Amino acid sequence: MRESFAFIEENNFLPQSVVEDGNIITAVGNAFNEFAVHVARKLGYDCPDKILSGYTDSNDINDYIHHLPKDEILEFKEEFKEFF
């Protein structure tokens, strides 16, 4: 997908659940627990690493690199062709 959008710079992508850079915190959708912890700590709250149920531990970069089958890529490109 990153190859389809010129505005997404390859070296800006980090295959991690949560990335914190200064005051900017980003996360993949399924890392909402980790994201909440990072935000709470940034706001000065003391909290444990795992604060919500359903927390999953994964440091496997393959969990954060998503691939679409060719037919879904074509469908996506057709739907968003005005942005290419």
Protein backbone atom coordinates (compact mmCIF):
# COMPACT_ATOMS: atom_id res chain seq x y z
CA MET A 1 0.00 0.00 0.00
CA ARG A 2 2.84 2.41 0.79
CA GLU A 3 4.08 2.00 -2.77
CA SER A 4 0.72 3.23 -4.06
CA PHE A 5 0.89 6.57 -2.29
CA ALA A 6 3.80 8.85 -3.12
CA PHE A 7 3.18 10.95 0.00
CA ILE A 8 3.97 8.01 2.33
CA GLU A 9 7.73 7.90 2.73
CA GLU A 10 9.07 4.36 3.13
CA ASN A 11 11.68 5.29 5.73
CA ASN A 12 9.01 6.97 7.89
CA PHE A 13 7.18 3.67 8.40
CA LEU A 14 8.12 1.70 11.50
CA PRO A 15 6.60 -1.78 11.86
CA GLN A 16 5.74 -1.35 15.53
CA SER A 17 2.53 -1.33 17.51
CA VAL A 18 3.08 2.17 18.94
CA VAL A 19 5.53 4.86 17.91
CA GLU A 20 6.19 7.89 20.09
CA ASP A 21 8.17 10.84 18.73
CA GLY A 22 8.16 13.86 20.97
CA ASN A 23 4.53 14.85 21.51
CA ILE A 24 3.26 12.68 18.65
CA ILE A 25 2.01 9.18 19.45
CA THR A 26 0.69 6.88 16.72
CA ALA A 27 -0.42 3.27 16.82
CA VAL A 28 -1.93 0.56 14.69
CA GLY A 29 -5.62 -0.06 15.36
CA ASN A 30 -5.22 -3.22 17.39
CA ALA A 31 -2.70 -1.56 19.74
CA PHE A 32 -5.32 0.58 21.47
CA ASN A 33 -4.17 -0.66 24.89
CA GLU A 34 -0.54 0.30 24.34
CA PHE A 35 -1.66 3.60 22.79
CA ALA A 36 -3.74 4.39 25.91
CA VAL A 37 -0.75 3.67 28.16
CA HIS A 38 1.54 5.92 26.11
CA VAL A 39 -0.97 8.77 26.11
CA ALA A 40 -1.68 8.44 29.84
CA ARG A 41 2.02 8.49 30.66
CA LYS A 42 2.61 11.46 28.36
CA LEU A 43 -0.09 13.29 30.34
CA GLY A 44 1.73 12.49 33.56
CA TYR A 45 -0.34 9.59 34.86
CA ASP A 46 1.39 6.67 36.52
CA CYS A 47 -0.15 3.47 35.18
CA PRO A 48 0.81 -0.16 34.61
CA ASP A 49 1.90 -1.40 31.18
CA LYS A 50 -1.35 -3.33 30.70
CA ILE A 51 -4.41 -1.35 31.73
CA LEU A 52 -7.23 -2.82 29.65
CA SER A 53 -8.49 -6.33 29.05
CA GLY A 54 -7.63 -7.99 25.76
CA TYR A 55 -4.04 -6.78 25.77
CA THR A 56 -1.79 -8.70 23.40
CA ASP A 57 1.99 -8.74 23.41
CA SER A 58 3.60 -8.83 20.02
CA ASN A 59 6.94 -7.51 18.89
CA ASP A 60 6.90 -9.45 15.63
CA ILE A 61 7.23 -6.89 12.81
CA ASN A 62 5.19 -9.18 10.56
CA ASP A 63 2.16 -8.36 12.71
CA TYR A 64 2.42 -4.73 11.55
CA ILE A 65 3.07 -5.20 7.84
CA HIS A 66 -0.22 -5.81 6.06
CA HIS A 67 -0.65 -7.12 2.55
CA LEU A 68 -3.69 -7.16 0.29
CA PRO A 69 -4.33 -9.79 -2.40
CA LYS A 70 -3.95 -8.47 -5.96
CA ASP A 71 -7.70 -8.30 -6.56
CA GLU A 72 -8.21 -6.20 -3.43
CA ILE A 73 -5.36 -3.87 -4.42
CA LEU A 74 -7.01 -3.35 -7.82
CA GLU A 75 -10.36 -2.69 -6.15
CA PHE A 76 -8.73 -0.22 -3.76
CA LYS A 77 -6.94 1.60 -6.59
CA GLU A 78 -10.17 1.88 -8.57
CA GLU A 79 -12.04 3.27 -5.59
CA PHE A 80 -9.31 5.81 -4.76
CA LYS A 81 -7.94 6.52 -8.25
CA GLU A 82 -8.39 10.27 -7.84
CA PHE A 83 -5.63 10.20 -5.20
CA PHE A 84 -3.00 8.47 -7.33
